Amino acid sequence: MTEQEIYKMVTNILSDFSEVSIDNMRMESKLMADLELNSLDVVNIVMAFEDSFNLSIPDSDLDKFKTIADTVSYIKNHS
């Protein structure tokens, strides 16, 4: 899967939890600050990533999901 394909899937998932439009999401967007997500949202989003990308993401890696770029990179490196 290419980085662009991962990015599209990630932003689609994020749009289910954030009031921010996909058009306003950028690689450098911070999940909590820019997308106005809280820590519970991030946990639910990571579970959605696990389902969508067929991954198992340990709780210890949750702090690695700070920006969309971090998320895309993590998924690309672990799938």
N, C-alpha and C. Protein backbone atom coordinates (compact mmCIF):
# COMPACT_ATOMS: atom_id res chain seq x y z
N MET A 1 0.85 -1.17 0.00
CA MET A 1 0.00 0.00 0.00
C MET A 1 0.90 1.24 0.00
N THR A 2 0.57 2.21 -0.83
CA THR A 2 1.40 3.40 -0.92
C THR A 2 1.09 4.37 0.22
N GLU A 3 1.99 5.31 0.43
CA GLU A 3 1.79 6.32 1.46
C GLU A 3 0.53 7.14 1.18
N GLN A 4 0.27 7.44 -0.07
CA GLN A 4 -0.92 8.21 -0.44
C GLN A 4 -2.20 7.43 -0.13
N GLU A 5 -2.19 6.13 -0.40
CA GLU A 5 -3.36 5.29 -0.09
C GLU A 5 -3.60 5.23 1.42
N ILE A 6 -2.50 5.09 2.17
CA ILE A 6 -2.61 5.07 3.63
C ILE A 6 -3.15 6.41 4.12
N TYR A 7 -2.63 7.50 3.57
CA TYR A 7 -3.07 8.85 3.96
C TYR A 7 -4.57 9.00 3.73
N LYS A 8 -5.06 8.56 2.60
CA LYS A 8 -6.49 8.68 2.30
C LYS A 8 -7.33 7.88 3.29
N MET A 9 -6.90 6.67 3.59
CA MET A 9 -7.64 5.84 4.55
C MET A 9 -7.60 6.47 5.95
N VAL A 10 -6.42 6.96 6.34
CA VAL A 10 -6.26 7.57 7.66
C VAL A 10 -7.17 8.80 7.79
N THR A 11 -7.16 9.67 6.79
CA THR A 11 -7.99 10.88 6.88
C THR A 11 -9.49 10.54 6.85
N ASN A 12 -9.86 9.49 6.12
CA ASN A 12 -11.26 9.06 6.14
C ASN A 12 -11.67 8.60 7.54
N ILE A 13 -10.79 7.85 8.19
CA ILE A 13 -11.09 7.39 9.56
C ILE A 13 -11.14 8.59 10.49
N LEU A 14 -10.16 9.48 10.38
CA LEU A 14 -10.13 10.65 11.26
C LEU A 14 -11.37 11.52 11.09
N SER A 15 -11.88 11.60 9.88
CA SER A 15 -13.05 12.44 9.64
C SER A 15 -14.29 11.92 10.36
N ASP A 16 -14.30 10.64 10.71
CA ASP A 16 -15.42 10.09 11.48
C ASP A 16 -15.42 10.57 12.93
N PHE A 17 -14.26 11.03 13.40
CA PHE A 17 -14.12 11.42 14.81
C PHE A 17 -13.91 12.92 14.99
N SER A 18 -13.55 13.61 13.94
CA SER A 18 -13.21 15.03 14.04
C SER A 18 -14.22 15.89 13.30
N GLU A 19 -14.41 17.09 13.80
CA GLU A 19 -15.28 18.06 13.14
C GLU A 19 -14.55 18.73 11.97
N VAL A 20 -13.24 18.55 11.90
CA VAL A 20 -12.42 19.18 10.85
C VAL A 20 -12.64 18.44 9.54
N SER A 21 -12.85 19.17 8.48
CA SER A 21 -13.07 18.59 7.16
C SER A 21 -11.79 17.95 6.63
N ILE A 22 -11.95 16.88 5.85
CA ILE A 22 -10.80 16.21 5.22
C ILE A 22 -9.99 17.22 4.41
N ASP A 23 -10.65 18.16 3.78
CA ASP A 23 -9.96 19.16 2.96
C ASP A 23 -9.00 20.01 3.78
N ASN A 24 -9.24 20.11 5.08
CA ASN A 24 -8.37 20.91 5.95
C ASN A 24 -7.34 20.07 6.70
N MET A 25 -7.32 18.78 6.46
CA MET A 25 -6.33 17.90 7.10
C MET A 25 -5.07 17.89 6.25
N ARG A 26 -3.94 17.99 6.93
CA ARG A 26 -2.62 17.97 6.29
C ARG A 26 -1.74 16.96 7.02
N MET A 27 -0.67 16.56 6.37
CA MET A 27 0.26 15.61 7.00
C MET A 27 0.74 16.13 8.35
N GLU A 28 0.96 17.45 8.46
CA GLU A 28 1.50 18.02 9.70
C GLU A 28 0.42 18.30 10.74
N SER A 29 -0.84 18.04 10.42
CA SER A 29 -1.94 18.28 11.38
C SER A 29 -1.75 17.43 12.62
N LYS A 30 -1.87 18.07 13.78
CA LYS A 30 -1.76 17.37 15.06
C LYS A 30 -3.14 16.82 15.42
N LEU A 31 -3.17 15.55 15.79
CA LEU A 31 -4.45 14.90 16.04
C LEU A 31 -5.24 15.61 17.14
N MET A 32 -4.60 15.91 18.25
CA MET A 32 -5.35 16.48 19.37
C MET A 32 -5.52 17.99 19.22
N ALA A 33 -4.49 18.71 18.84
CA ALA A 33 -4.58 20.18 18.79
C ALA A 33 -5.33 20.65 17.55
N ASP A 34 -4.92 20.19 16.38
CA ASP A 34 -5.50 20.69 15.13
C ASP A 34 -6.83 20.04 14.77
N LEU A 35 -6.96 18.75 15.08
CA LEU A 35 -8.19 18.04 14.73
C LEU A 35 -9.19 18.00 15.90
N GLU A 36 -8.80 18.61 17.02
CA GLU A 36 -9.65 18.74 18.20
C GLU A 36 -10.14 17.39 18.74
N LEU A 37 -9.22 16.42 18.76
CA LEU A 37 -9.54 15.10 19.30
C LEU A 37 -9.06 15.02 20.74
N ASN A 38 -9.71 14.17 21.52
CA ASN A 38 -9.25 13.94 22.88
C ASN A 38 -8.61 12.56 22.98
N SER A 39 -8.09 12.22 24.13
CA SER A 39 -7.37 10.96 24.27
C SER A 39 -8.27 9.74 24.04
N LEU A 40 -9.53 9.83 24.42
CA LEU A 40 -10.47 8.73 24.16
C LEU A 40 -10.70 8.58 22.66
N ASP A 41 -10.81 9.71 21.94
CA ASP A 41 -10.94 9.65 20.48
C ASP A 41 -9.75 8.93 19.88
N VAL A 42 -8.55 9.27 20.35
CA VAL A 42 -7.33 8.66 19.80
C VAL A 42 -7.34 7.15 20.01
N VAL A 43 -7.77 6.70 21.18
CA VAL A 43 -7.86 5.26 21.45
C VAL A 43 -8.83 4.61 20.46
N ASN A 44 -9.99 5.22 20.27
CA ASN A 44 -10.98 4.67 19.33
C ASN A 44 -10.47 4.70 17.89
N ILE A 45 -9.75 5.75 17.54
CA ILE A 45 -9.18 5.85 16.20
C ILE A 45 -8.14 4.77 15.98
N VAL A 46 -7.29 4.55 16.96
CA VAL A 46 -6.27 3.50 16.83
C VAL A 46 -6.94 2.14 16.65
N MET A 47 -8.03 1.90 17.35
CA MET A 47 -8.76 0.63 17.15
C MET A 47 -9.29 0.55 15.73
N ALA A 48 -9.77 1.67 15.19
CA ALA A 48 -10.24 1.69 13.80
C ALA A 48 -9.08 1.43 12.83
N PHE A 49 -7.90 1.99 13.14
CA PHE A 49 -6.71 1.71 12.32
C PHE A 49 -6.38 0.22 12.34
N GLU A 50 -6.46 -0.38 13.53
CA GLU A 50 -6.16 -1.81 13.64
C GLU A 50 -7.09 -2.62 12.75
N ASP A 51 -8.36 -2.29 12.76
CA ASP A 51 -9.33 -3.02 11.94
C ASP A 51 -9.10 -2.76 10.45
N SER A 52 -8.92 -1.51 10.09
CA SER A 52 -8.80 -1.15 8.68
C SER A 52 -7.51 -1.63 8.03
N PHE A 53 -6.43 -1.62 8.80
CA PHE A 53 -5.12 -1.98 8.25
C PHE A 53 -4.65 -3.36 8.70
N ASN A 54 -5.51 -4.08 9.44
CA ASN A 54 -5.17 -5.41 9.92
C ASN A 54 -3.86 -5.40 10.71
N LEU A 55 -3.81 -4.50 11.69
CA LEU A 55 -2.63 -4.34 12.54
C LEU A 55 -2.99 -4.62 13.99
N SER A 56 -1.97 -4.90 14.77
CA SER A 56 -2.11 -4.94 16.21
C SER A 56 -1.19 -3.86 16.76
N ILE A 57 -1.79 -2.83 17.35
CA ILE A 57 -1.02 -1.69 17.84
C ILE A 57 -1.02 -1.75 19.37
N PRO A 58 0.16 -1.97 19.96
CA PRO A 58 0.22 -2.04 21.43
C PRO A 58 -0.10 -0.69 22.07
N ASP A 59 -0.67 -0.73 23.27
CA ASP A 59 -1.00 0.50 23.99
C ASP A 59 0.23 1.39 24.17
N SER A 60 1.40 0.77 24.30
CA SER A 60 2.64 1.53 24.50
C SER A 60 2.99 2.39 23.28
N ASP A 61 2.37 2.11 22.13
CA ASP A 61 2.65 2.90 20.92
C ASP A 61 1.65 4.04 20.71
N LEU A 62 0.65 4.17 21.57
CA LEU A 62 -0.36 5.20 21.38
C LEU A 62 0.23 6.60 21.34
N ASP A 63 1.30 6.83 22.09
CA ASP A 63 1.90 8.16 22.11
C ASP A 63 2.65 8.50 20.83
N LYS A 64 2.78 7.55 19.93
CA LYS A 64 3.45 7.78 18.65
C LYS A 64 2.52 8.42 17.62
N PHE A 65 1.24 8.51 17.93
CA PHE A 65 0.24 9.05 17.01
C PHE A 65 -0.04 10.51 17.36
N LYS A 66 0.89 11.39 17.03
CA LYS A 66 0.74 12.81 17.34
C LYS A 66 0.24 13.61 16.14
N THR A 67 0.72 13.28 14.96
CA THR A 67 0.31 13.97 13.73
C THR A 67 -0.17 12.95 12.71
N ILE A 68 -0.78 13.44 11.65
CA ILE A 68 -1.18 12.53 10.58
C ILE A 68 0.05 11.89 9.96
N ALA A 69 1.13 12.66 9.81
CA ALA A 69 2.37 12.11 9.25
C ALA A 69 2.91 10.97 10.11
N ASP A 70 2.88 11.15 11.45
CA ASP A 70 3.32 10.08 12.36
C ASP A 70 2.48 8.82 12.15
N THR A 71 1.19 9.03 11.99
CA THR A 71 0.26 7.93 11.83
C THR A 71 0.51 7.18 10.53
N VAL A 72 0.63 7.91 9.44
CA VAL A 72 0.89 7.30 8.13
C VAL A 72 2.20 6.53 8.16
N SER A 73 3.23 7.13 8.74
CA SER A 73 4.54 6.49 8.82
C SER A 73 4.48 5.21 9.66
N TYR A 74 3.80 5.28 10.80
CA TYR A 74 3.67 4.10 11.66
C TYR A 74 2.98 2.96 10.92
N ILE A 75 1.88 3.27 10.29
CA ILE A 75 1.12 2.23 9.58
C ILE A 75 1.94 1.66 8.43
N LYS A 76 2.62 2.53 7.69
CA LYS A 76 3.44 2.06 6.57
C LYS A 76 4.55 1.13 7.06
N ASN A 77 5.15 1.46 8.20
CA ASN A 77 6.26 0.66 8.72
C ASN A 77 5.82 -0.61 9.45
N HIS A 78 4.55 -0.71 9.79
CA HIS A 78 4.08 -1.87 10.57
C HIS A 78 3.08 -2.75 9.81
N SER A 79 2.84 -2.44 8.54
CA SER A 79 1.89 -3.28 7.82
C SER A 79 2.61 -4.10 6.74
